[in-house]
């Protein structure tokens, strides 16, 4: 059963959401205490457009009840999905955040959790 079928997500995606690459050809997405880094291996892309679905009011309420912190398994699943979808032009990594400085700089662990053996 799809989340749209049970009313937790809206049927239609929003307009494609554009994520801009930084000068290092990366998009950095904070996911709770982890960071997902998408790197343009072709070094030619300016932005990445992804279809994003909005949650319904019921979906938002349920999300707030069950997900006060971001789940590491979800982050890994998202990373693997992006890796599979964007494999031709992107490398994807997921790392734990060590600290965030007052100027917004993020210090992360070197280990890519998408490569970690279970």
PDB file of N, CA and C in Angstrom:
ATOM      1  N   UNK A   1       0.842  -1.170   0.000  1.00  0.00           N
ATOM      2  CA  UNK A   1       0.000   0.000   0.000  1.00  0.00           C
ATOM      3  C   UNK A   1       0.892   1.240   0.000  1.00  0.00           C
ATOM      4  N   UNK A   2       0.580   2.189  -0.846  1.00  0.00           N
ATOM      5  CA  UNK A   2       1.350   3.427  -0.933  1.00  0.00           C
ATOM      6  C   UNK A   2       0.888   4.422   0.122  1.00  0.00           C
ATOM      7  N   UNK A   3       1.818   5.305   0.523  1.00  0.00           N
ATOM      8  CA  UNK A   3       1.464   6.327   1.500  1.00  0.00           C
ATOM      9  C   UNK A   3       0.365   7.248   0.978  1.00  0.00           C
ATOM     10  N   UNK A   4       0.308   7.436  -0.347  1.00  0.00           N
ATOM     11  CA  UNK A   4      -0.758   8.250  -0.933  1.00  0.00           C
ATOM     12  C   UNK A   4      -2.114   7.552  -0.767  1.00  0.00           C
ATOM     13  N   UNK A   5      -2.124   6.217  -0.880  1.00  0.00           N
ATOM     14  CA  UNK A   5      -3.369   5.463  -0.795  1.00  0.00           C
ATOM     15  C   UNK A   5      -4.025   5.563   0.583  1.00  0.00           C
ATOM     16  N   UNK A   6      -3.221   5.716   1.622  1.00  0.00           N
ATOM     17  CA  UNK A   6      -3.795   5.792   2.967  1.00  0.00           C
ATOM     18  C   UNK A   6      -3.865   7.226   3.478  1.00  0.00           C
ATOM     19  N   UNK A   7      -3.596   8.186   2.595  1.00  0.00           N
ATOM     20  CA  UNK A   7      -3.801   9.591   2.929  1.00  0.00           C
ATOM     21  C   UNK A   7      -2.682  10.259   3.711  1.00  0.00           C
ATOM     22  N   UNK A   8      -1.491   9.663   3.758  1.00  0.00           N
ATOM     23  CA  UNK A   8      -0.397  10.272   4.512  1.00  0.00           C
ATOM     24  C   UNK A   8       0.472  11.190   3.651  1.00  0.00           C
ATOM     25  N   UNK A   9       0.409  10.997   2.340  1.00  0.00           N
ATOM     26  CA  UNK A   9       1.135  11.874   1.422  1.00  0.00           C
ATOM     27  C   UNK A   9       0.167  12.331   0.345  1.00  0.00           C
ATOM     28  N   UNK A  10       0.398  13.528  -0.166  1.00  0.00           N
ATOM     29  CA  UNK A  10      -0.454  14.043  -1.223  1.00  0.00           C
ATOM     30  C   UNK A  10      -0.160  13.316  -2.528  1.00  0.00           C
ATOM     31  N   UNK A  11      -1.160  13.204  -3.395  1.00  0.00           N
ATOM     32  CA  UNK A  11      -1.040  12.436  -4.638  1.00  0.00           C
ATOM     33  C   UNK A  11      -0.026  13.022  -5.610  1.00  0.00           C
ATOM     34  N   UNK A  12      -0.011  14.325  -5.756  1.00  0.00           N
ATOM     35  CA  UNK A  12       0.825  14.967  -6.769  1.00  0.00           C
ATOM     36  C   UNK A  12       2.110  15.507  -6.154  1.00  0.00           C
ATOM     37  N   UNK A  13       3.241  15.308  -6.844  1.00  0.00           N
ATOM     38  CA  UNK A  13       4.480  15.888  -6.326  1.00  0.00           C
ATOM     39  C   UNK A  13       4.461  17.400  -6.480  1.00  0.00           C
ATOM     40  N   UNK A  14       5.259  18.057  -5.669  1.00  0.00           N
ATOM     41  CA  UNK A  14       5.457  19.493  -5.832  1.00  0.00           C
ATOM     42  C   UNK A  14       6.222  19.686  -7.133  1.00  0.00           C
ATOM     43  N   UNK A  15       6.368  20.921  -7.548  1.00  0.00           N
ATOM     44  CA  UNK A  15       7.248  21.182  -8.676  1.00  0.00           C
ATOM     45  C   UNK A  15       8.634  20.664  -8.314  1.00  0.00           C
ATOM     46  N   UNK A  16       9.432  20.252  -9.300  1.00  0.00           N
ATOM     47  CA  UNK A  16      10.768  19.752  -8.948  1.00  0.00           C
ATOM     48  C   UNK A  16      11.510  20.750  -8.059  1.00  0.00           C
ATOM     49  N   UNK A  17      12.107  20.228  -7.012  1.00  0.00           N
ATOM     50  CA  UNK A  17      12.857  21.053  -6.081  1.00  0.00           C
ATOM     51  C   UNK A  17      14.311  21.081  -6.523  1.00  0.00           C
ATOM     52  N   UNK A  18      14.865  22.273  -6.710  1.00  0.00           N
ATOM     53  CA  UNK A  18      16.241  22.410  -7.157  1.00  0.00           C
ATOM     54  C   UNK A  18      17.201  22.560  -5.990  1.00  0.00           C
ATOM     55  N   UNK A  19      18.194  21.703  -5.940  1.00  0.00           N
ATOM     56  CA  UNK A  19      19.250  21.769  -4.941  1.00  0.00           C
ATOM     57  C   UNK A  19      20.508  22.235  -5.655  1.00  0.00           C
ATOM     58  N   UNK A  20      21.115  23.312  -5.174  1.00  0.00           N
ATOM     59  CA  UNK A  20      22.304  23.876  -5.813  1.00  0.00           C
ATOM     60  C   UNK A  20      23.571  23.211  -5.290  1.00  0.00           C
ATOM     61  N   UNK A  21      24.506  22.948  -6.195  1.00  0.00           N
ATOM     62  CA  UNK A  21      25.806  22.402  -5.811  1.00  0.00           C
ATOM     63  C   UNK A  21      26.694  23.526  -5.276  1.00  0.00           C
ATOM     64  N   UNK A  22      27.492  23.224  -4.258  1.00  0.00           N
ATOM     65  CA  UNK A  22      28.451  24.202  -3.739  1.00  0.00           C
ATOM     66  C   UNK A  22      29.699  24.199  -4.633  1.00  0.00           C
ATOM     67  N   UNK A  23      30.686  25.057  -4.369  1.00  0.00           N
ATOM     68  CA  UNK A  23      31.888  25.102  -5.217  1.00  0.00           C
ATOM     69  C   UNK A  23      32.670  23.785  -5.276  1.00  0.00           C
ATOM     70  N   UNK A  24      32.455  22.904  -4.301  1.00  0.00           N
ATOM     71  CA  UNK A  24      33.109  21.588  -4.307  1.00  0.00           C
ATOM     72  C   UNK A  24      32.299  20.551  -5.075  1.00  0.00           C
ATOM     73  N   UNK A  25      31.277  21.015  -5.810  1.00  0.00           N
ATOM     74  CA  UNK A  25      30.394  20.148  -6.597  1.00  0.00           C
ATOM     75  C   UNK A  25      29.611  19.189  -5.700  1.00  0.00           C
ATOM     76  N   UNK A  26      29.191  19.675  -4.529  1.00  0.00           N
ATOM     77  CA  UNK A  26      28.468  18.856  -3.575  1.00  0.00           C
ATOM     78  C   UNK A  26      27.157  19.510  -3.148  1.00  0.00           C
ATOM     79  N   UNK A  27      26.213  18.650  -2.811  1.00  0.00           N
ATOM     80  CA  UNK A  27      24.989  19.060  -2.129  1.00  0.00           C
ATOM     81  C   UNK A  27      25.033  18.375  -0.775  1.00  0.00           C
ATOM     82  N   UNK A  28      24.909  19.157   0.293  1.00  0.00           N
ATOM     83  CA  UNK A  28      24.991  18.617   1.645  1.00  0.00           C
ATOM     84  C   UNK A  28      23.615  18.756   2.294  1.00  0.00           C
ATOM     85  N   UNK A  29      23.064  17.625   2.718  1.00  0.00           N
ATOM     86  CA  UNK A  29      21.722  17.600   3.298  1.00  0.00           C
ATOM     87  C   UNK A  29      21.827  17.058   4.722  1.00  0.00           C
ATOM     88  N   UNK A  30      21.457  17.908   5.707  1.00  0.00           N
ATOM     89  CA  UNK A  30      21.445  17.471   7.105  1.00  0.00           C
ATOM     90  C   UNK A  30      20.217  16.617   7.355  1.00  0.00           C
ATOM     91  N   UNK A  31      20.431  15.455   7.955  1.00  0.00           N
ATOM     92  CA  UNK A  31      19.349  14.540   8.311  1.00  0.00           C
ATOM     93  C   UNK A  31      19.503  14.171   9.787  1.00  0.00           C
ATOM     94  N   UNK A  32      19.021  15.036  10.654  1.00  0.00           N
ATOM     95  CA  UNK A  32      19.172  14.793  12.090  1.00  0.00           C
ATOM     96  C   UNK A  32      20.632  14.884  12.486  1.00  0.00           C
ATOM     97  N   UNK A  33      21.178  13.782  13.020  1.00  0.00           N
ATOM     98  CA  UNK A  33      22.576  13.780  13.456  1.00  0.00           C
ATOM     99  C   UNK A  33      23.512  13.200  12.386  1.00  0.00           C
ATOM    100  N   UNK A  34      23.017  13.132  11.154  1.00  0.00           N
ATOM    101  CA  UNK A  34      23.815  12.641  10.038  1.00  0.00           C
ATOM    102  C   UNK A  34      23.737  13.612   8.874  1.00  0.00           C
ATOM    103  N   UNK A  35      24.669  13.446   7.928  1.00  0.00           N
ATOM    104  CA  UNK A  35      24.681  14.297   6.759  1.00  0.00           C
ATOM    105  C   UNK A  35      24.826  13.416   5.519  1.00  0.00           C
ATOM    106  N   UNK A  36      24.003  13.707   4.526  1.00  0.00           N
ATOM    107  CA  UNK A  36      24.036  13.027   3.239  1.00  0.00           C
ATOM    108  C   UNK A  36      24.747  13.964   2.269  1.00  0.00           C
ATOM    109  N   UNK A  37      25.781  13.474   1.606  1.00  0.00           N
ATOM    110  CA  UNK A  37      26.547  14.306   0.683  1.00  0.00           C
ATOM    111  C   UNK A  37      26.451  13.711  -0.714  1.00  0.00           C
ATOM    112  N   UNK A  38      25.905  14.500  -1.636  1.00  0.00           N
ATOM    113  CA  UNK A  38      25.822  14.113  -3.043  1.00  0.00           C
ATOM    114  C   UNK A  38      26.913  14.870  -3.775  1.00  0.00           C
ATOM    115  N   UNK A  39      27.796  14.159  -4.465  1.00  0.00           N
ATOM    116  CA  UNK A  39      28.901  14.785  -5.174  1.00  0.00           C
ATOM    117  C   UNK A  39      28.751  14.548  -6.669  1.00  0.00           C
ATOM    118  N   UNK A  40      28.775  15.633  -7.437  1.00  0.00           N
ATOM    119  CA  UNK A  40      28.697  15.572  -8.895  1.00  0.00           C
ATOM    120  C   UNK A  40      30.043  15.087  -9.420  1.00  0.00           C
ATOM    121  N   UNK A  41      30.117  13.833  -9.837  1.00  0.00           N
ATOM    122  CA  UNK A  41      31.381  13.272 -10.317  1.00  0.00           C
ATOM    123  C   UNK A  41      31.754  13.790 -11.696  1.00  0.00           C
ATOM    124  N   UNK A  42      30.788  14.350 -12.427  1.00  0.00           N
ATOM    125  CA  UNK A  42      31.083  14.906 -13.751  1.00  0.00           C
ATOM    126  C   UNK A  42      31.604  16.334 -13.654  1.00  0.00           C
ATOM    127  N   UNK A  43      31.380  16.965 -12.501  1.00  0.00           N
ATOM    128  CA  UNK A  43      31.761  18.363 -12.243  1.00  0.00           C
ATOM    129  C   UNK A  43      31.172  19.332 -13.280  1.00  0.00           C
ATOM    130  N   UNK A  44      29.981  19.002 -13.773  1.00  0.00           N
ATOM    131  CA  UNK A  44      29.329  19.840 -14.783  1.00  0.00           C
ATOM    132  C   UNK A  44      27.974  20.367 -14.353  1.00  0.00           C
ATOM    133  N   UNK A  45      27.370  19.776 -13.328  1.00  0.00           N
ATOM    134  CA  UNK A  45      26.014  20.147 -12.935  1.00  0.00           C
ATOM    135  C   UNK A  45      26.007  21.380 -12.045  1.00  0.00           C
ATOM    136  N   UNK A  46      25.021  22.229 -12.240  1.00  0.00           N
ATOM    137  CA  UNK A  46      24.842  23.418 -11.388  1.00  0.00           C
ATOM    138  C   UNK A  46      23.826  23.145 -10.277  1.00  0.00           C
ATOM    139  N   UNK A  47      22.817  22.315 -10.604  1.00  0.00           N
ATOM    140  CA  UNK A  47      21.786  21.990  -9.621  1.00  0.00           C
ATOM    141  C   UNK A  47      21.242  20.598  -9.906  1.00  0.00           C
ATOM    142  N   UNK A  48      20.497  20.076  -8.952  1.00  0.00           N
ATOM    143  CA  UNK A  48      19.872  18.771  -9.064  1.00  0.00           C
ATOM    144  C   UNK A  48      18.394  18.949  -8.754  1.00  0.00           C
ATOM    145  N   UNK A  49      17.535  18.556  -9.672  1.00  0.00           N
ATOM    146  CA  UNK A  49      16.094  18.660  -9.463  1.00  0.00           C
ATOM    147  C   UNK A  49      15.545  17.307  -9.039  1.00  0.00           C
ATOM    148  N   UNK A  50      14.846  17.289  -7.919  1.00  0.00           N
ATOM    149  CA  UNK A  50      14.227  16.077  -7.399  1.00  0.00           C
ATOM    150  C   UNK A  50      12.746  16.322  -7.181  1.00  0.00           C
ATOM    151  N   UNK A  51      11.920  15.300  -7.455  1.00  0.00           N
ATOM    152  CA  UNK A  51      10.495  15.391  -7.168  1.00  0.00           C
ATOM    153  C   UNK A  51      10.300  15.165  -5.666  1.00  0.00           C
ATOM    154  N   UNK A  52       9.619  16.068  -5.030  1.00  0.00           N
ATOM    155  CA  UNK A  52       9.372  15.978  -3.594  1.00  0.00           C
ATOM    156  C   UNK A  52       7.865  15.944  -3.380  1.00  0.00           C
ATOM    157  N   UNK A  53       7.412  15.017  -2.561  1.00  0.00           N
ATOM    158  CA  UNK A  53       5.995  14.906  -2.239  1.00  0.00           C
ATOM    159  C   UNK A  53       5.731  15.523  -0.878  1.00  0.00           C
ATOM    160  N   UNK A  54       4.642  16.251  -0.754  1.00  0.00           N
ATOM    161  CA  UNK A  54       4.234  16.815   0.534  1.00  0.00           C
ATOM    162  C   UNK A  54       3.447  15.788   1.320  1.00  0.00           C
ATOM    163  N   UNK A  55       3.621  15.836   2.631  1.00  0.00           N
ATOM    164  CA  UNK A  55       2.794  15.006   3.492  1.00  0.00           C
ATOM    165  C   UNK A  55       1.467  15.721   3.713  1.00  0.00           C
ATOM    166  N   UNK A  56       0.433  14.942   3.900  1.00  0.00           N
ATOM    167  CA  UNK A  56      -0.865  15.517   4.247  1.00  0.00           C
ATOM    168  C   UNK A  56      -0.822  15.961   5.701  1.00  0.00           C
ATOM    169  N   UNK A  57      -1.892  16.614   6.171  1.00  0.00           N
ATOM    170  CA  UNK A  57      -1.951  17.001   7.586  1.00  0.00           C
ATOM    171  C   UNK A  57      -1.834  15.784   8.487  1.00  0.00           C
ATOM    172  N   UNK A  58      -2.526  14.712   8.133  1.00  0.00           N
ATOM    173  CA  UNK A  58      -2.454  13.479   8.930  1.00  0.00           C
ATOM    174  C   UNK A  58      -1.039  12.915   8.903  1.00  0.00           C
ATOM    175  N   UNK A  59      -0.386  12.956   7.749  1.00  0.00           N
ATOM    176  CA  UNK A  59       0.991  12.478   7.630  1.00  0.00           C
ATOM    177  C   UNK A  59       1.941  13.287   8.491  1.00  0.00           C
ATOM    178  N   UNK A  60       1.766  14.611   8.497  1.00  0.00           N
ATOM    179  CA  UNK A  60       2.610  15.476   9.337  1.00  0.00           C
ATOM    180  C   UNK A  60       2.415  15.178  10.817  1.00  0.00           C
ATOM    181  N   UNK A  61       1.161  15.004  11.240  1.00  0.00           N
ATOM    182  CA  UNK A  61       0.885  14.724  12.644  1.00  0.00           C
ATOM    183  C   UNK A  61       1.490  13.389  13.071  1.00  0.00           C
ATOM    184  N   UNK A  62       1.333  12.370  12.229  1.00  0.00           N
ATOM    185  CA  UNK A  62       1.895  11.055  12.539  1.00  0.00           C
ATOM    186  C   UNK A  62       3.417  11.113  12.565  1.00  0.00           C
ATOM    187  N   UNK A  63       4.008  11.826  11.612  1.00  0.00           N
ATOM    188  CA  UNK A  63       5.464  11.971  11.558  1.00  0.00           C
ATOM    189  C   UNK A  63       5.984  12.607  12.841  1.00  0.00           C
ATOM    190  N   UNK A  64       5.330  13.645  13.327  1.00  0.00           N
ATOM    191  CA  UNK A  64       5.758  14.313  14.555  1.00  0.00           C
ATOM    192  C   UNK A  64       5.638  13.418  15.778  1.00  0.00           C
ATOM    193  N   UNK A  65       4.666  12.526  15.780  1.00  0.00           N
ATOM    194  CA  UNK A  65       4.473  11.629  16.918  1.00  0.00           C
ATOM    195  C   UNK A  65       5.541  10.541  16.945  1.00  0.00           C
ATOM    196  N   UNK A  66       5.817   9.924  15.787  1.00  0.00           N
ATOM    197  CA  UNK A  66       6.694   8.751  15.772  1.00  0.00           C
ATOM    198  C   UNK A  66       8.141   9.052  15.449  1.00  0.00           C
ATOM    199  N   UNK A  67       8.455  10.260  14.996  1.00  0.00           N
ATOM    200  CA  UNK A  67       9.806  10.513  14.516  1.00  0.00           C
ATOM    201  C   UNK A  67      10.378  11.804  15.081  1.00  0.00           C
ATOM    202  N   UNK A  68      10.674  11.800  16.367  1.00  0.00           N
ATOM    203  CA  UNK A  68      11.242  13.008  16.957  1.00  0.00           C
ATOM    204  C   UNK A  68      12.701  13.192  16.547  1.00  0.00           C
ATOM    205  N   UNK A  69      13.391  12.107  16.228  1.00  0.00           N
ATOM    206  CA  UNK A  69      14.742  12.192  15.681  1.00  0.00           C
ATOM    207  C   UNK A  69      14.777  11.403  14.381  1.00  0.00           C
ATOM    208  N   UNK A  70      15.680  11.780  13.493  1.00  0.00           N
ATOM    209  CA  UNK A  70      15.767  11.106  12.209  1.00  0.00           C
ATOM    210  C   UNK A  70      16.359   9.716  12.397  1.00  0.00           C
ATOM    211  N   UNK A  71      15.793   8.745  11.739  1.00  0.00           N
ATOM    212  CA  UNK A  71      16.170   7.357  11.867  1.00  0.00           C
ATOM    213  C   UNK A  71      17.327   7.022  10.929  1.00  0.00           C
ATOM    214  N   UNK A  72      18.381   6.423  11.461  1.00  0.00           N
ATOM    215  CA  UNK A  72      19.571   6.069  10.682  1.00  0.00           C
ATOM    216  C   UNK A  72      19.246   5.087   9.562  1.00  0.00           C
ATOM    217  N   UNK A  73      18.358   4.129   9.814  1.00  0.00           N
ATOM    218  CA  UNK A  73      17.993   3.170   8.766  1.00  0.00           C
ATOM    219  C   UNK A  73      17.302   3.871   7.599  1.00  0.00           C
ATOM    220  N   UNK A  74      16.448   4.849   7.907  1.00  0.00           N
ATOM    221  CA  UNK A  74      15.799   5.623   6.855  1.00  0.00           C
ATOM    222  C   UNK A  74      16.845   6.402   6.059  1.00  0.00           C
ATOM    223  N   UNK A  75      17.797   7.019   6.758  1.00  0.00           N
ATOM    224  CA  UNK A  75      18.836   7.789   6.073  1.00  0.00           C
ATOM    225  C   UNK A  75      19.640   6.903   5.129  1.00  0.00           C
ATOM    226  N   UNK A  76      19.970   5.685   5.583  1.00  0.00           N
ATOM    227  CA  UNK A  76      20.697   4.746   4.726  1.00  0.00           C
ATOM    228  C   UNK A  76      19.859   4.355   3.515  1.00  0.00           C
ATOM    229  N   UNK A  77      18.579   4.066   3.736  1.00  0.00           N
ATOM    230  CA  UNK A  77      17.703   3.691   2.625  1.00  0.00           C
ATOM    231  C   UNK A  77      17.602   4.823   1.606  1.00  0.00           C
ATOM    232  N   UNK A  78      17.493   6.065   2.093  1.00  0.00           N
ATOM    233  CA  UNK A  78      17.453   7.219   1.205  1.00  0.00           C
ATOM    234  C   UNK A  78      18.762   7.338   0.433  1.00  0.00           C
ATOM    235  N   UNK A  79      19.884   7.164   1.118  1.00  0.00           N
ATOM    236  CA  UNK A  79      21.188   7.236   0.467  1.00  0.00           C
ATOM    237  C   UNK A  79      21.336   6.187  -0.621  1.00  0.00           C
ATOM    238  N   UNK A  80      20.935   4.944  -0.323  1.00  0.00           N
ATOM    239  CA  UNK A  80      21.027   3.871  -1.321  1.00  0.00           C
ATOM    240  C   UNK A  80      20.119   4.155  -2.521  1.00  0.00           C
ATOM    241  N   UNK A  81      18.923   4.675  -2.246  1.00  0.00           N
ATOM    242  CA  UNK A  81      17.988   4.983  -3.337  1.00  0.00           C
ATOM    243  C   UNK A  81      18.551   6.080  -4.238  1.00  0.00           C
ATOM    244  N   UNK A  82      19.086   7.129  -3.642  1.00  0.00           N
ATOM    245  CA  UNK A  82      19.695   8.202  -4.446  1.00  0.00           C
ATOM    246  C   UNK A  82      20.904   7.680  -5.211  1.00  0.00           C
ATOM    247  N   UNK A  83      21.683   6.834  -4.576  1.00  0.00           N
ATOM    248  CA  UNK A  83      22.860   6.258  -5.230  1.00  0.00           C
ATOM    249  C   UNK A  83      22.445   5.438  -6.453  1.00  0.00           C
ATOM    250  N   UNK A  84      21.412   4.623  -6.299  1.00  0.00           N
ATOM    251  CA  UNK A  84      20.941   3.798  -7.418  1.00  0.00           C
ATOM    252  C   UNK A  84      20.344   4.642  -8.534  1.00  0.00           C
ATOM    253  N   UNK A  85      19.626   5.690  -8.158  1.00  0.00           N
ATOM    254  CA  UNK A  85      18.965   6.546  -9.143  1.00  0.00           C
ATOM    255  C   UNK A  85      19.947   7.439  -9.886  1.00  0.00           C
ATOM    256  N   UNK A  86      20.961   7.933  -9.184  1.00  0.00           N
ATOM    257  CA  UNK A  86      21.868   8.932  -9.751  1.00  0.00           C
ATOM    258  C   UNK A  86      23.260   8.379 -10.037  1.00  0.00           C
ATOM    259  N   UNK A  87      23.403   7.068 -10.126  1.00  0.00           N
ATOM    260  CA  UNK A  87      24.712   6.422 -10.195  1.00  0.00           C
ATOM    261  C   UNK A  87      25.611   6.920 -11.319  1.00  0.00           C
ATOM    262  N   UNK A  88      25.037   7.338 -12.427  1.00  0.00           N
ATOM    263  CA  UNK A  88      25.866   7.734 -13.563  1.00  0.00           C
ATOM    264  C   UNK A  88      26.615   9.037 -13.337  1.00  0.00           C
ATOM    265  N   UNK A  89      26.079   9.920 -12.506  1.00  0.00           N
ATOM    266  CA  UNK A  89      26.707  11.231 -12.368  1.00  0.00           C
ATOM    267  C   UNK A  89      27.000  11.647 -10.928  1.00  0.00           C
ATOM    268  N   UNK A  90      26.634  10.822  -9.958  1.00  0.00           N
ATOM    269  CA  UNK A  90      26.782  11.210  -8.552  1.00  0.00           C
ATOM    270  C   UNK A  90      27.434  10.117  -7.731  1.00  0.00           C
ATOM    271  N   UNK A  91      28.184  10.552  -6.731  1.00  0.00           N
ATOM    272  CA  UNK A  91      28.553   9.646  -5.656  1.00  0.00           C
ATOM    273  C   UNK A  91      27.788  10.122  -4.423  1.00  0.00           C
ATOM    274  N   UNK A  92      27.401   9.186  -3.591  1.00  0.00           N
ATOM    275  CA  UNK A  92      26.571   9.497  -2.425  1.00  0.00           C
ATOM    276  C   UNK A  92      27.264   8.947  -1.186  1.00  0.00           C
ATOM    277  N   UNK A  93      27.325   9.752  -0.143  1.00  0.00           N
ATOM    278  CA  UNK A  93      27.874   9.273   1.122  1.00  0.00           C
ATOM    279  C   UNK A  93      26.986   9.742   2.271  1.00  0.00           C
ATOM    280  N   UNK A  94      27.023   8.989   3.352  1.00  0.00           N
ATOM    281  CA  UNK A  94      26.271   9.302   4.567  1.00  0.00           C
ATOM    282  C   UNK A  94      27.236   9.202   5.732  1.00  0.00           C
ATOM    283  N   UNK A  95      27.322  10.261   6.520  1.00  0.00           N
ATOM    284  CA  UNK A  95      28.253  10.277   7.656  1.00  0.00           C
ATOM    285  C   UNK A  95      27.577  10.858   8.889  1.00  0.00           C
ATOM    286  N   UNK A  96      28.087  10.472  10.047  1.00  0.00           N
ATOM    287  CA  UNK A  96      27.626  11.051  11.307  1.00  0.00           C
ATOM    288  C   UNK A  96      28.221  12.439  11.476  1.00  0.00           C
ATOM    289  N   UNK A  97      27.427  13.342  12.046  1.00  0.00           N
ATOM    290  CA  UNK A  97      27.900  14.688  12.346  1.00  0.00           C
ATOM    291  C   UNK A  97      28.603  14.662  13.703  1.00  0.00           C
ATOM    292  N   UNK A  98      29.811  15.228  13.741  1.00  0.00           N
ATOM    293  CA  UNK A  98      30.544  15.359  15.000  1.00  0.00           C
ATOM    294  C   UNK A  98      30.134  16.656  15.679  1.00  0.00           C
ATOM    295  N   UNK A  99      30.153  17.758  14.913  1.00  0.00           N
ATOM    296  CA  UNK A  99      29.769  19.048  15.485  1.00  0.00           C
ATOM    297  C   UNK A  99      29.382  20.015  14.368  1.00  0.00           C
ATOM    298  N   UNK A 100      28.636  21.042  14.761  1.00  0.00           N
ATOM    299  CA  UNK A 100      28.254  22.115  13.846  1.00  0.00           C
ATOM    300  C   UNK A 100      28.714  23.416  14.493  1.00  0.00           C
ATOM    301  N   UNK A 101      29.525  24.182  13.763  1.00  0.00           N
ATOM    302  CA  UNK A 101      30.044  25.434  14.311  1.00  0.00           C
ATOM    303  C   UNK A 101      29.003  26.546  14.199  1.00  0.00           C
ATOM    304  N   UNK A 102      29.244  27.635  14.886  1.00  0.00           N
ATOM    305  CA  UNK A 102      28.303  28.756  14.893  1.00  0.00           C
ATOM    306  C   UNK A 102      28.141  29.392  13.510  1.00  0.00           C
ATOM    307  N   UNK A 103      29.144  29.219  12.636  1.00  0.00           N
ATOM    308  CA  UNK A 103      29.029  29.773  11.284  1.00  0.00           C
ATOM    309  C   UNK A 103      28.406  28.781  10.299  1.00  0.00           C
ATOM    310  N   UNK A 104      27.925  27.642  10.808  1.00  0.00           N
ATOM    311  CA  UNK A 104      27.247  26.658   9.973  1.00  0.00           C
ATOM    312  C   UNK A 104      28.137  25.570   9.417  1.00  0.00           C
ATOM    313  N   UNK A 105      29.431  25.628   9.697  1.00  0.00           N
ATOM    314  CA  UNK A 105      30.346  24.576   9.245  1.00  0.00           C
ATOM    315  C   UNK A 105      30.042  23.266   9.956  1.00  0.00           C
ATOM    316  N   UNK A 106      30.137  22.173   9.224  1.00  0.00           N
ATOM    317  CA  UNK A 106      29.818  20.866   9.782  1.00  0.00           C
ATOM    318  C   UNK A 106      31.063  19.995   9.784  1.00  0.00           C
ATOM    319  N   UNK A 107      31.397  19.454  10.968  1.00  0.00           N
ATOM    320  CA  UNK A 107      32.483  18.487  11.072  1.00  0.00           C
ATOM    321  C   UNK A 107      31.850  17.103  11.102  1.00  0.00           C
ATOM    322  N   UNK A 108      32.313  16.215  10.201  1.00  0.00           N
ATOM    323  CA  UNK A 108      31.720  14.881  10.106  1.00  0.00           C
ATOM    324  C   UNK A 108      32.778  13.804  10.277  1.00  0.00           C
ATOM    325  N   UNK A 109      32.320  12.607  10.625  1.00  0.00           N
ATOM    326  CA  UNK A 109      33.205  11.444  10.668  1.00  0.00           C
ATOM    327  C   UNK A 109      33.590  11.078   9.235  1.00  0.00           C
ATOM    328  N   UNK A 110      34.764  10.520   9.051  1.00  0.00           N
ATOM    329  CA  UNK A 110      35.221  10.161   7.716  1.00  0.00           C
ATOM    330  C   UNK A 110      34.502   8.940   7.155  1.00  0.00           C
ATOM    331  N   UNK A 111      34.013   8.078   8.018  1.00  0.00           N
ATOM    332  CA  UNK A 111      33.396   6.834   7.574  1.00  0.00           C
ATOM    333  C   UNK A 111      32.103   7.085   6.801  1.00  0.00           C
ATOM    334  N   UNK A 112      32.005   6.483   5.612  1.00  0.00           N
ATOM    335  CA  UNK A 112      30.783   6.521   4.819  1.00  0.00           C
ATOM    336  C   UNK A 112      29.901   5.367   5.287  1.00  0.00           C
ATOM    337  N   UNK A 113      28.788   5.680   5.945  1.00  0.00           N
ATOM    338  CA  UNK A 113      27.918   4.653   6.506  1.00  0.00           C
ATOM    339  C   UNK A 113      27.240   3.802   5.445  1.00  0.00           C
ATOM    340  N   UNK A 114      27.245   4.259   4.192  1.00  0.00           N
ATOM    341  CA  UNK A 114      26.675   3.457   3.109  1.00  0.00           C
ATOM    342  C   UNK A 114      27.642   2.345   2.701  1.00  0.00           C
ATOM    343  N   UNK A 115      28.893   2.414   3.132  1.00  0.00           N
ATOM    344  CA  UNK A 115      29.899   1.407   2.810  1.00  0.00           C
ATOM    345  C   UNK A 115      30.226   0.516   4.000  1.00  0.00           C
ATOM    346  N   UNK A 116      29.654   0.826   5.146  1.00  0.00           N
ATOM    347  CA  UNK A 116      29.944   0.079   6.365  1.00  0.00           C
ATOM    348  C   UNK A 116      29.344  -1.320   6.286  1.00  0.00           C
ATOM    349  N   UNK A 117      30.152  -2.302   6.598  1.00  0.00           N
ATOM    350  CA  UNK A 117      29.676  -3.684   6.627  1.00  0.00           C
ATOM    351  C   UNK A 117      28.874  -3.925   7.904  1.00  0.00           C
ATOM    352  N   UNK A 118      27.780  -4.635   7.759  1.00  0.00           N
ATOM    353  CA  UNK A 118      26.945  -4.934   8.936  1.00  0.00           C
ATOM    354  C   UNK A 118      27.485  -6.112   9.692  1.00  0.00           C
TER     355      UNK A 118
END
